[in-house]
C-alpha atoms as a PDB file:
ATOM      1  CA  UNK A   1     -12.171  13.230 -15.515  1.00  0.00           C
ATOM      2  CA  UNK A   2     -12.677  17.099 -16.808  1.00  0.00           C
ATOM      3  CA  UNK A   3     -12.554  20.132 -14.380  1.00  0.00           C
ATOM      4  CA  UNK A   4     -16.172  20.898 -15.546  1.00  0.00           C
ATOM      5  CA  UNK A   5     -17.766  17.833 -14.214  1.00  0.00           C
ATOM      6  CA  UNK A   6     -16.432  18.711 -11.051  1.00  0.00           C
ATOM      7  CA  UNK A   7     -17.759  22.011 -10.899  1.00  0.00           C
ATOM      8  CA  UNK A   8     -20.688  20.427 -11.768  1.00  0.00           C
ATOM      9  CA  UNK A   9     -20.548  18.213  -8.820  1.00  0.00           C
ATOM     10  CA  UNK A  10     -19.801  20.433  -6.755  1.00  0.00           C
ATOM     11  CA  UNK A  11     -22.961  22.742  -7.734  1.00  0.00           C
ATOM     12  CA  UNK A  12     -25.113  19.820  -7.374  1.00  0.00           C
ATOM     13  CA  UNK A  13     -23.896  19.115  -4.335  1.00  0.00           C
ATOM     14  CA  UNK A  14     -24.892  22.607  -2.983  1.00  0.00           C
ATOM     15  CA  UNK A  15     -28.372  23.092  -4.230  1.00  0.00           C
ATOM     16  CA  UNK A  16     -29.351  19.579  -4.391  1.00  0.00           C
ATOM     17  CA  UNK A  17     -31.238  20.010  -7.784  1.00  0.00           C
ATOM     18  CA  UNK A  18     -30.496  18.962 -11.010  1.00  0.00           C
ATOM     19  CA  UNK A  19     -32.709  21.624 -12.786  1.00  0.00           C
ATOM     20  CA  UNK A  20     -31.441  24.557 -10.130  1.00  0.00           C
ATOM     21  CA  UNK A  21     -27.713  23.699 -10.782  1.00  0.00           C
ATOM     22  CA  UNK A  22     -28.339  23.585 -14.445  1.00  0.00           C
ATOM     23  CA  UNK A  23     -30.000  27.015 -14.765  1.00  0.00           C
ATOM     24  CA  UNK A  24     -26.858  27.971 -12.078  1.00  0.00           C
ATOM     25  CA  UNK A  25     -24.198  26.558 -14.777  1.00  0.00           C
ATOM     26  CA  UNK A  26     -26.200  28.175 -17.792  1.00  0.00           C
ATOM     27  CA  UNK A  27     -26.392  24.590 -19.475  1.00  0.00           C
ATOM     28  CA  UNK A  28     -29.008  22.082 -20.221  1.00  0.00           C
ATOM     29  CA  UNK A  29     -30.534  19.541 -17.307  1.00  0.00           C
ATOM     30  CA  UNK A  30     -29.756  16.944 -19.782  1.00  0.00           C
ATOM     31  CA  UNK A  31     -26.012  17.814 -20.439  1.00  0.00           C
ATOM     32  CA  UNK A  32     -25.940  18.319 -16.492  1.00  0.00           C
ATOM     33  CA  UNK A  33     -27.088  14.686 -16.137  1.00  0.00           C
ATOM     34  CA  UNK A  34     -24.703  13.417 -19.025  1.00  0.00           C
ATOM     35  CA  UNK A  35     -21.966  14.788 -17.090  1.00  0.00           C
ATOM     36  CA  UNK A  36     -22.516  13.340 -13.733  1.00  0.00           C
ATOM     37  CA  UNK A  37     -23.447  10.256 -14.984  1.00  0.00           C
ATOM     38  CA  UNK A  38     -20.324  10.130 -17.107  1.00  0.00           C
ATOM     39  CA  UNK A  39     -18.298  11.123 -13.208  1.00  0.00           C
ATOM     40  CA  UNK A  40     -19.860   8.226 -11.866  1.00  0.00           C
ATOM     41  CA  UNK A  41     -18.910   6.001 -14.586  1.00  0.00           C
ATOM     42  CA  UNK A  42     -15.411   6.953 -14.485  1.00  0.00           C
ATOM     43  CA  UNK A  43     -15.271   6.980 -10.615  1.00  0.00           C
ATOM     44  CA  UNK A  44     -16.970   4.071 -10.582  1.00  0.00           C
ATOM     45  CA  UNK A  45     -19.597   4.990  -7.510  1.00  0.00           C
ATOM     46  CA  UNK A  46     -22.619   6.579  -7.560  1.00  0.00           C
ATOM     47  CA  UNK A  47     -22.385  10.118  -5.880  1.00  0.00           C
ATOM     48  CA  UNK A  48     -25.913  10.867  -5.305  1.00  0.00           C
ATOM     49  CA  UNK A  49     -29.284   9.449  -3.753  1.00  0.00           C
ATOM     50  CA  UNK A  50     -32.013  10.706  -6.447  1.00  0.00           C
ATOM     51  CA  UNK A  51     -35.778  11.096  -5.279  1.00  0.00           C
ATOM     52  CA  UNK A  52     -38.266  12.873  -6.021  1.00  0.00           C
ATOM     53  CA  UNK A  53     -37.167  15.669  -3.624  1.00  0.00           C
ATOM     54  CA  UNK A  54     -33.651  16.472  -5.660  1.00  0.00           C
ATOM     55  CA  UNK A  55     -30.183  15.035  -5.285  1.00  0.00           C
ATOM     56  CA  UNK A  56     -28.643  14.381  -2.292  1.00  0.00           C
ATOM     57  CA  UNK A  57     -24.923  13.320  -1.376  1.00  0.00           C
ATOM     58  CA  UNK A  58     -24.528   9.481  -0.522  1.00  0.00           C
ATOM     59  CA  UNK A  59     -21.709   8.721   1.752  1.00  0.00           C
ATOM     60  CA  UNK A  60     -19.111   8.316  -1.120  1.00  0.00           C
ATOM     61  CA  UNK A  61     -20.302  11.582  -2.551  1.00  0.00           C
ATOM     62  CA  UNK A  62     -19.446  13.608   0.815  1.00  0.00           C
ATOM     63  CA  UNK A  63     -16.392  12.017   0.859  1.00  0.00           C
ATOM     64  CA  UNK A  64     -15.421  12.774  -2.652  1.00  0.00           C
ATOM     65  CA  UNK A  65     -16.835  16.485  -2.666  1.00  0.00           C
ATOM     66  CA  UNK A  66     -14.156  17.602  -0.508  1.00  0.00           C
ATOM     67  CA  UNK A  67     -11.488  16.143  -2.738  1.00  0.00           C
ATOM     68  CA  UNK A  68     -13.397  17.916  -5.810  1.00  0.00           C
ATOM     69  CA  UNK A  69     -13.863  21.326  -3.929  1.00  0.00           C
ATOM     70  CA  UNK A  70      -9.971  21.296  -3.095  1.00  0.00           C
ATOM     71  CA  UNK A  71      -8.949  20.267  -7.106  1.00  0.00           C
ATOM     72  CA  UNK A  72     -11.261  22.885  -8.252  1.00  0.00           C
ATOM     73  CA  UNK A  73      -9.854  25.496  -5.597  1.00  0.00           C
ATOM     74  CA  UNK A  74      -5.957  24.599  -6.660  1.00  0.00           C
ATOM     75  CA  UNK A  75      -6.926  25.234 -10.682  1.00  0.00           C
ATOM     76  CA  UNK A  76      -8.244  28.258  -9.626  1.00  0.00           C
ATOM     77  CA  UNK A  77      -5.509  29.258  -7.607  1.00  0.00           C
ATOM     78  CA  UNK A  78      -3.161  28.204 -10.391  1.00  0.00           C
ATOM     79  CA  UNK A  79      -4.782  30.170 -13.383  1.00  0.00           C
ATOM     80  CA  UNK A  80      -4.691  33.303 -11.170  1.00  0.00           C
ATOM     81  CA  UNK A  81      -1.289  33.304 -10.769  1.00  0.00           C
ATOM     82  CA  UNK A  82      -0.438  32.252 -14.156  1.00  0.00           C
ATOM     83  CA  UNK A  83      -2.521  35.307 -15.127  1.00  0.00           C
ATOM     84  CA  UNK A  84      -0.591  37.482 -12.621  1.00  0.00           C
ATOM     85  CA  UNK A  85       3.074  36.082 -14.106  1.00  0.00           C
ATOM     86  CA  UNK A  86       2.026  36.751 -17.493  1.00  0.00           C
ATOM     87  CA  UNK A  87       1.386  40.594 -19.272  1.00  0.00           C
ATOM     88  CA  UNK A  88      -1.643  39.066 -21.053  1.00  0.00           C
ATOM     89  CA  UNK A  89      -5.144  38.420 -19.205  1.00  0.00           C
ATOM     90  CA  UNK A  90      -6.422  35.264 -21.103  1.00  0.00           C
ATOM     91  CA  UNK A  91      -9.452  32.983 -20.455  1.00  0.00           C
ATOM     92  CA  UNK A  92     -13.039  33.878 -19.602  1.00  0.00           C
ATOM     93  CA  UNK A  93     -14.456  36.081 -16.996  1.00  0.00           C
ATOM     94  CA  UNK A  94     -18.159  36.159 -16.636  1.00  0.00           C
ATOM     95  CA  UNK A  95     -19.981  39.342 -15.851  1.00  0.00           C
ATOM     96  CA  UNK A  96     -23.655  39.034 -13.924  1.00  0.00           C
ATOM     97  CA  UNK A  97     -26.249  41.927 -15.557  1.00  0.00           C
ATOM     98  CA  UNK A  98     -29.212  42.416 -13.953  1.00  0.00           C
ATOM     99  CA  UNK A  99     -30.822  45.292 -16.015  1.00  0.00           C
ATOM    100  CA  UNK A 100     -30.822  46.299 -20.024  1.00  0.00           C
ATOM    101  CA  UNK A 101     -27.491  46.031 -21.417  1.00  0.00           C
ATOM    102  CA  UNK A 102     -27.743  49.478 -22.692  1.00  0.00           C
ATOM    103  CA  UNK A 103     -28.103  50.980 -19.157  1.00  0.00           C
ATOM    104  CA  UNK A 104     -25.144  49.351 -18.177  1.00  0.00           C
ATOM    105  CA  UNK A 105     -23.069  50.638 -21.456  1.00  0.00           C
ATOM    106  CA  UNK A 106     -22.353  46.446 -21.619  1.00  0.00           C
ATOM    107  CA  UNK A 107     -21.458  47.397 -25.487  1.00  0.00           C
ATOM    108  CA  UNK A 108     -18.860  49.962 -24.590  1.00  0.00           C
ATOM    109  CA  UNK A 109     -17.400  48.069 -21.645  1.00  0.00           C
ATOM    110  CA  UNK A 110     -17.219  45.030 -23.974  1.00  0.00           C
ATOM    111  CA  UNK A 111     -15.545  46.968 -26.630  1.00  0.00           C
ATOM    112  CA  UNK A 112     -13.503  48.303 -24.229  1.00  0.00           C
ATOM    113  CA  UNK A 113     -11.952  45.289 -22.866  1.00  0.00           C
ATOM    114  CA  UNK A 114     -11.507  43.517 -26.938  1.00  0.00           C
ATOM    115  CA  UNK A 115      -8.890  46.088 -27.830  1.00  0.00           C
ATOM    116  CA  UNK A 116      -6.815  46.059 -24.581  1.00  0.00           C
ATOM    117  CA  UNK A 117      -7.390  42.388 -23.581  1.00  0.00           C
ATOM    118  CA  UNK A 118      -8.040  40.331 -27.146  1.00  0.00           C
ATOM    119  CA  UNK A 119      -7.078  37.051 -25.296  1.00  0.00           C
ATOM    120  CA  UNK A 120      -9.834  37.598 -22.281  1.00  0.00           C
ATOM    121  CA  UNK A 121     -13.144  36.535 -23.376  1.00  0.00           C
ATOM    122  CA  UNK A 122     -16.153  37.958 -21.719  1.00  0.00           C
ATOM    123  CA  UNK A 123     -19.166  36.196 -20.834  1.00  0.00           C
ATOM    124  CA  UNK A 124     -22.778  37.978 -20.071  1.00  0.00           C
ATOM    125  CA  UNK A 125     -25.117  36.051 -17.966  1.00  0.00           C
ATOM    126  CA  UNK A 126     -28.547  37.314 -16.260  1.00  0.00           C
ATOM    127  CA  UNK A 127     -27.838  37.948 -12.925  1.00  0.00           C
ATOM    128  CA  UNK A 128     -31.176  39.559 -10.488  1.00  0.00           C
ATOM    129  CA  UNK A 129     -29.672  42.113  -7.937  1.00  0.00           C
ATOM    130  CA  UNK A 130     -30.890  39.849  -5.185  1.00  0.00           C
ATOM    131  CA  UNK A 131     -28.856  36.849  -6.557  1.00  0.00           C
ATOM    132  CA  UNK A 132     -25.531  38.936  -6.799  1.00  0.00           C
ATOM    133  CA  UNK A 133     -24.083  37.725  -3.676  1.00  0.00           C
ATOM    134  CA  UNK A 134     -24.783  34.289  -4.103  1.00  0.00           C
ATOM    135  CA  UNK A 135     -23.684  33.909  -7.652  1.00  0.00           C
ATOM    136  CA  UNK A 136     -20.134  35.403  -6.585  1.00  0.00           C
ATOM    137  CA  UNK A 137     -19.771  33.356  -3.518  1.00  0.00           C
ATOM    138  CA  UNK A 138     -20.247  30.426  -6.010  1.00  0.00           C
ATOM    139  CA  UNK A 139     -18.304  31.495  -8.477  1.00  0.00           C
ATOM    140  CA  UNK A 140     -20.807  31.543 -11.028  1.00  0.00           C
ATOM    141  CA  UNK A 141     -19.795  34.824 -12.053  1.00  0.00           C
ATOM    142  CA  UNK A 142     -16.625  36.917 -11.440  1.00  0.00           C
ATOM    143  CA  UNK A 143     -18.185  40.406 -11.100  1.00  0.00           C
ATOM    144  CA  UNK A 144     -21.498  41.339 -11.465  1.00  0.00           C
ATOM    145  CA  UNK A 145     -24.012  44.505 -11.895  1.00  0.00           C
ATOM    146  CA  UNK A 146     -26.673  44.670  -8.797  1.00  0.00           C
ATOM    147  CA  UNK A 147     -28.904  47.680  -7.174  1.00  0.00           C
ATOM    148  CA  UNK A 148     -27.555  48.326  -3.937  1.00  0.00           C
ATOM    149  CA  UNK A 149     -29.066  46.431  -0.956  1.00  0.00           C
ATOM    150  CA  UNK A 150     -27.759  44.951   2.330  1.00  0.00           C
ATOM    151  CA  UNK A 151     -24.884  42.562   1.435  1.00  0.00           C
ATOM    152  CA  UNK A 152     -22.180  40.356   3.441  1.00  0.00           C
ATOM    153  CA  UNK A 153     -19.014  42.311   4.093  1.00  0.00           C
ATOM    154  CA  UNK A 154     -17.313  39.410   1.898  1.00  0.00           C
ATOM    155  CA  UNK A 155     -18.351  41.334  -1.208  1.00  0.00           C
ATOM    156  CA  UNK A 156     -16.598  44.351  -2.397  1.00  0.00           C
ATOM    157  CA  UNK A 157     -18.417  46.490  -4.601  1.00  0.00           C
ATOM    158  CA  UNK A 158     -18.334  50.518  -6.138  1.00  0.00           C
ATOM    159  CA  UNK A 159     -21.278  52.749  -6.907  1.00  0.00           C
ATOM    160  CA  UNK A 160     -21.264  53.922 -10.355  1.00  0.00           C
ATOM    161  CA  UNK A 161     -24.617  55.755 -10.966  1.00  0.00           C
ATOM    162  CA  UNK A 162     -27.050  57.205  -8.523  1.00  0.00           C
ATOM    163  CA  UNK A 163     -30.320  56.153 -10.252  1.00  0.00           C
ATOM    164  CA  UNK A 164     -34.201  56.580  -9.955  1.00  0.00           C
ATOM    165  CA  UNK A 165     -37.067  54.240  -9.991  1.00  0.00           C
ATOM    166  CA  UNK A 166     -40.773  55.487  -9.479  1.00  0.00           C
ATOM    167  CA  UNK A 167     -44.108  53.723  -9.394  1.00  0.00           C
ATOM    168  CA  UNK A 168     -45.593  53.611 -12.741  1.00  0.00           C
ATOM    169  CA  UNK A 169     -48.782  52.187 -14.660  1.00  0.00           C
ATOM    170  CA  UNK A 170     -51.081  52.440 -17.116  1.00  0.00           C
ATOM    171  CA  UNK A 171     -53.704  55.958 -17.064  1.00  0.00           C
ATOM    172  CA  UNK A 172     -56.699  53.888 -16.454  1.00  0.00           C
ATOM    173  CA  UNK A 173     -54.773  52.370 -12.904  1.00  0.00           C
ATOM    174  CA  UNK A 174     -53.313  55.597 -11.634  1.00  0.00           C
ATOM    175  CA  UNK A 175     -55.955  58.616 -12.887  1.00  0.00           C
ATOM    176  CA  UNK A 176     -57.535  60.116  -9.906  1.00  0.00           C
ATOM    177  CA  UNK A 177     -55.173  58.391  -7.003  1.00  0.00           C
ATOM    178  CA  UNK A 178     -52.970  60.762  -4.866  1.00  0.00           C
ATOM    179  CA  UNK A 179     -51.931  59.432  -1.606  1.00  0.00           C
ATOM    180  CA  UNK A 180     -50.140  56.156  -0.960  1.00  0.00           C
ATOM    181  CA  UNK A 181     -53.304  54.910   0.462  1.00  0.00           C
ATOM    182  CA  UNK A 182     -55.107  54.564  -2.817  1.00  0.00           C
ATOM    183  CA  UNK A 183     -51.901  53.374  -4.675  1.00  0.00           C
ATOM    184  CA  UNK A 184     -51.650  50.850  -2.140  1.00  0.00           C
ATOM    185  CA  UNK A 185     -55.053  49.383  -2.720  1.00  0.00           C
ATOM    186  CA  UNK A 186     -54.173  49.400  -6.383  1.00  0.00           C
ATOM    187  CA  UNK A 187     -53.199  46.165  -8.128  1.00  0.00           C
ATOM    188  CA  UNK A 188     -49.199  45.730  -8.318  1.00  0.00           C
ATOM    189  CA  UNK A 189     -46.700  43.746 -10.212  1.00  0.00           C
ATOM    190  CA  UNK A 190     -44.696  43.109  -7.502  1.00  0.00           C
ATOM    191  CA  UNK A 191     -41.269  41.444  -7.621  1.00  0.00           C
ATOM    192  CA  UNK A 192     -40.654  40.160  -4.486  1.00  0.00           C
ATOM    193  CA  UNK A 193     -39.124  41.069  -1.207  1.00  0.00           C
ATOM    194  CA  UNK A 194     -35.900  40.575  -2.126  1.00  0.00           C
ATOM    195  CA  UNK A 195     -35.895  43.411  -5.111  1.00  0.00           C
ATOM    196  CA  UNK A 196     -34.000  46.454  -4.081  1.00  0.00           C
ATOM    197  CA  UNK A 197     -36.596  48.383  -6.120  1.00  0.00           C
ATOM    198  CA  UNK A 198     -39.254  46.932  -4.048  1.00  0.00           C
ATOM    199  CA  UNK A 199     -37.604  47.294  -0.734  1.00  0.00           C
ATOM    200  CA  UNK A 200     -36.919  50.920  -1.499  1.00  0.00           C
ATOM    201  CA  UNK A 201     -40.402  51.602  -1.866  1.00  0.00           C
ATOM    202  CA  UNK A 202     -41.780  49.060   0.798  1.00  0.00           C
ATOM    203  CA  UNK A 203     -40.683  50.968   3.272  1.00  0.00           C
ATOM    204  CA  UNK A 204     -43.031  54.016   2.144  1.00  0.00           C
ATOM    205  CA  UNK A 205     -45.810  51.556   2.473  1.00  0.00           C
ATOM    206  CA  UNK A 206     -45.123  50.328   6.120  1.00  0.00           C
ATOM    207  CA  UNK A 207     -44.590  53.801   7.256  1.00  0.00           C
ATOM    208  CA  UNK A 208     -47.774  54.502   7.184  1.00  0.00           C
ATOM    209  CA  UNK A 209     -49.290  50.498   8.125  1.00  0.00           C
ATOM    210  CA  UNK A 210     -50.326  50.005   4.480  1.00  0.00           C
ATOM    211  CA  UNK A 211     -50.243  46.792   2.624  1.00  0.00           C
ATOM    212  CA  UNK A 212     -49.838  46.523  -0.930  1.00  0.00           C
ATOM    213  CA  UNK A 213     -52.818  44.825  -3.197  1.00  0.00           C
ATOM    214  CA  UNK A 214     -50.578  42.050  -5.223  1.00  0.00           C
ATOM    215  CA  UNK A 215     -51.759  40.990  -7.992  1.00  0.00           C
ATOM    216  CA  UNK A 216     -48.991  39.141  -9.824  1.00  0.00           C
ATOM    217  CA  UNK A 217     -45.648  38.713  -8.232  1.00  0.00           C
ATOM    218  CA  UNK A 218     -42.690  38.342 -10.710  1.00  0.00           C
ATOM    219  CA  UNK A 219     -38.544  38.543 -10.440  1.00  0.00           C
ATOM    220  CA  UNK A 220     -37.834  39.895 -14.315  1.00  0.00           C
ATOM    221  CA  UNK A 221     -37.552  43.524 -14.221  1.00  0.00           C
ATOM    222  CA  UNK A 222     -38.321  43.207 -18.549  1.00  0.00           C
ATOM    223  CA  UNK A 223     -41.553  40.869 -17.455  1.00  0.00           C
ATOM    224  CA  UNK A 224     -42.569  43.605 -15.183  1.00  0.00           C
ATOM    225  CA  UNK A 225     -42.336  46.165 -17.273  1.00  0.00           C
ATOM    226  CA  UNK A 226     -44.526  44.346 -20.191  1.00  0.00           C
ATOM    227  CA  UNK A 227     -47.119  43.052 -17.491  1.00  0.00           C
ATOM    228  CA  UNK A 228     -47.563  46.993 -16.417  1.00  0.00           C
ATOM    229  CA  UNK A 229     -47.608  48.246 -20.015  1.00  0.00           C
ATOM    230  CA  UNK A 230     -50.694  45.374 -20.639  1.00  0.00           C
ATOM    231  CA  UNK A 231     -52.544  46.883 -18.021  1.00  0.00           C
ATOM    232  CA  UNK A 232     -52.059  44.406 -14.933  1.00  0.00           C
ATOM    233  CA  UNK A 233     -51.113  46.620 -12.070  1.00  0.00           C
ATOM    234  CA  UNK A 234     -48.880  48.984 -11.036  1.00  0.00           C
ATOM    235  CA  UNK A 235     -44.837  48.356 -10.947  1.00  0.00           C
ATOM    236  CA  UNK A 236     -41.997  49.542 -10.384  1.00  0.00           C
ATOM    237  CA  UNK A 237     -39.579  51.189 -13.071  1.00  0.00           C
ATOM    238  CA  UNK A 238     -36.529  52.909 -13.958  1.00  0.00           C
ATOM    239  CA  UNK A 239     -37.326  56.298 -13.969  1.00  0.00           C
ATOM    240  CA  UNK A 240     -35.383  57.577 -17.409  1.00  0.00           C
ATOM    241  CA  UNK A 241     -37.026  54.387 -19.224  1.00  0.00           C
ATOM    242  CA  UNK A 242     -40.679  54.777 -17.752  1.00  0.00           C
ATOM    243  CA  UNK A 243     -40.302  59.054 -18.766  1.00  0.00           C
ATOM    244  CA  UNK A 244     -39.851  57.822 -22.104  1.00  0.00           C
ATOM    245  CA  UNK A 245     -42.917  55.648 -22.231  1.00  0.00           C
ATOM    246  CA  UNK A 246     -44.951  58.332 -20.336  1.00  0.00           C
ATOM    247  CA  UNK A 247     -43.910  60.417 -23.621  1.00  0.00           C
ATOM    248  CA  UNK A 248     -45.221  57.846 -25.494  1.00  0.00           C
ATOM    249  CA  UNK A 249     -48.837  58.065 -23.929  1.00  0.00           C
ATOM    250  CA  UNK A 250     -48.082  54.021 -22.685  1.00  0.00           C
ATOM    251  CA  UNK A 251     -47.520  55.074 -18.837  1.00  0.00           C
ATOM    252  CA  UNK A 252     -48.186  57.657 -16.281  1.00  0.00           C
ATOM    253  CA  UNK A 253     -45.483  58.179 -13.599  1.00  0.00           C
ATOM    254  CA  UNK A 254     -47.120  58.857 -10.074  1.00  0.00           C
ATOM    255  CA  UNK A 255     -44.399  61.279  -9.191  1.00  0.00           C
ATOM    256  CA  UNK A 256     -45.127  60.850  -5.458  1.00  0.00           C
ATOM    257  CA  UNK A 257     -43.301  57.568  -5.718  1.00  0.00           C
ATOM    258  CA  UNK A 258     -39.754  58.185  -7.212  1.00  0.00           C
ATOM    259  CA  UNK A 259     -37.124  56.898  -5.303  1.00  0.00           C
ATOM    260  CA  UNK A 260     -33.313  56.615  -5.661  1.00  0.00           C
ATOM    261  CA  UNK A 261     -31.135  53.689  -6.081  1.00  0.00           C
ATOM    262  CA  UNK A 262     -27.412  53.024  -6.022  1.00  0.00           C
ATOM    263  CA  UNK A 263     -25.886  50.895  -9.379  1.00  0.00           C
ATOM    264  CA  UNK A 264     -23.318  49.264  -8.226  1.00  0.00           C
ATOM    265  CA  UNK A 265     -20.438  46.414  -9.704  1.00  0.00           C
ATOM    266  CA  UNK A 266     -19.488  44.058  -7.250  1.00  0.00           C
ATOM    267  CA  UNK A 267     -16.730  41.300  -6.857  1.00  0.00           C
ATOM    268  CA  UNK A 268     -15.737  38.773  -3.961  1.00  0.00           C
ATOM    269  CA  UNK A 269     -13.283  40.394  -1.470  1.00  0.00           C
ATOM    270  CA  UNK A 270     -10.996  37.971  -1.881  1.00  0.00           C
ATOM    271  CA  UNK A 271     -10.604  38.040  -5.608  1.00  0.00           C
ATOM    272  CA  UNK A 272     -10.069  41.676  -5.103  1.00  0.00           C
ATOM    273  CA  UNK A 273      -6.184  41.029  -6.832  1.00  0.00           C
ATOM    274  CA  UNK A 274      -7.466  38.838  -9.303  1.00  0.00           C
ATOM    275  CA  UNK A 275      -6.630  39.828 -13.049  1.00  0.00           C
ATOM    276  CA  UNK A 276      -9.451  39.408 -14.564  1.00  0.00           C
ATOM    277  CA  UNK A 277     -11.778  40.740 -12.353  1.00  0.00           C
ATOM    278  CA  UNK A 278      -9.326  43.643 -12.175  1.00  0.00           C
ATOM    279  CA  UNK A 279      -9.900  43.901 -15.866  1.00  0.00           C
ATOM    280  CA  UNK A 280     -13.913  44.224 -15.599  1.00  0.00           C
ATOM    281  CA  UNK A 281     -13.840  46.840 -12.778  1.00  0.00           C
ATOM    282  CA  UNK A 282     -11.413  49.073 -14.703  1.00  0.00           C
ATOM    283  CA  UNK A 283     -13.127  49.212 -17.484  1.00  0.00           C
ATOM    284  CA  UNK A 284     -16.822  49.581 -16.379  1.00  0.00           C
ATOM    285  CA  UNK A 285     -15.373  52.342 -14.014  1.00  0.00           C
ATOM    286  CA  UNK A 286     -13.605  53.861 -17.132  1.00  0.00           C
ATOM    287  CA  UNK A 287     -16.816  53.661 -19.231  1.00  0.00           C
ATOM    288  CA  UNK A 288     -19.270  55.025 -16.628  1.00  0.00           C
ATOM    289  CA  UNK A 289     -16.855  58.019 -15.904  1.00  0.00           C
ATOM    290  CA  UNK A 290     -17.281  58.741 -19.247  1.00  0.00           C
ATOM    291  CA  UNK A 291     -19.665  62.076 -20.233  1.00  0.00           C
ATOM    292  CA  UNK A 292     -22.858  60.839 -21.322  1.00  0.00           C
ATOM    293  CA  UNK A 293     -26.279  59.032 -20.335  1.00  0.00           C
ATOM    294  CA  UNK A 294     -26.560  55.960 -21.349  1.00  0.00           C
ATOM    295  CA  UNK A 295     -29.091  54.900 -24.197  1.00  0.00           C
ATOM    296  CA  UNK A 296     -32.110  53.157 -23.422  1.00  0.00           C
ATOM    297  CA  UNK A 297     -33.061  49.619 -25.814  1.00  0.00           C
ATOM    298  CA  UNK A 298     -36.254  50.509 -27.522  1.00  0.00           C
ATOM    299  CA  UNK A 299     -36.221  46.353 -27.768  1.00  0.00           C
ATOM    300  CA  UNK A 300     -36.077  46.575 -23.832  1.00  0.00           C
ATOM    301  CA  UNK A 301     -33.548  43.373 -24.080  1.00  0.00           C
ATOM    302  CA  UNK A 302     -32.303  42.234 -20.358  1.00  0.00           C
ATOM    303  CA  UNK A 303     -29.179  40.150 -21.145  1.00  0.00           C
ATOM    304  CA  UNK A 304     -26.939  38.767 -24.147  1.00  0.00           C
ATOM    305  CA  UNK A 305     -24.382  35.905 -23.820  1.00  0.00           C
ATOM    306  CA  UNK A 306     -21.249  36.152 -25.586  1.00  0.00           C
END
């Protein structure tokens, strides 16, 4: 019996869906299914009721889940205590990234950690801002970047940078439009009501009694940008990235639609003293305190995994 099997067991029990659990754990669905089947064989009991709706714990599974959670917590506590006793921080630390690595200065942060903590392996995982709190609570990530939005008091965070977002679209979409009413009536590539970008601008529309004309709903910042560039509708983009695209003649920025947003790094309050979390916090802070603007990646890659 391995700890990773118990972690998989706990995540499936929480999400009640093998596909969602595989995404959360960043492994394939077949590998996750094999893990759980192997665990059930070793324990000699079935843990789940499998049906068309997903996977529900059976009575035996509910009893054993409590023990699995206790074992996982004990292992985590032991690892944390060992790190505190030693001078070297070892193991893995997973950082959620919500946008282009270049904007988050991921390369500089990774290089700094590698030079000062060579035994600490940094894993980068895609993590939308709206999902950051849940992924931190479930310890899928140890720390995570996100754009500021209402968040529970279980999460501590530090504001790294005051950024700006803007309404942008291809010239044919924005030509002749000068009012919020005209902008609302134009097709939009929308990111759902949990996205901080869209929360920030939605209040502008609602204060004037306006409802946007949604064309496509998408949760990925990079995909939204590509759809906007391809002429599917208006969208919210980071201002410095949109300025570059505007200079290239590919986009037009609606200057009335520039809204401030804060870039943050967050972590669980209960883990504020964990060595690996502190390494990430301090390294990110040092990098962001350096003078200079982040480079804009011409490829616009959203995330990487090391």
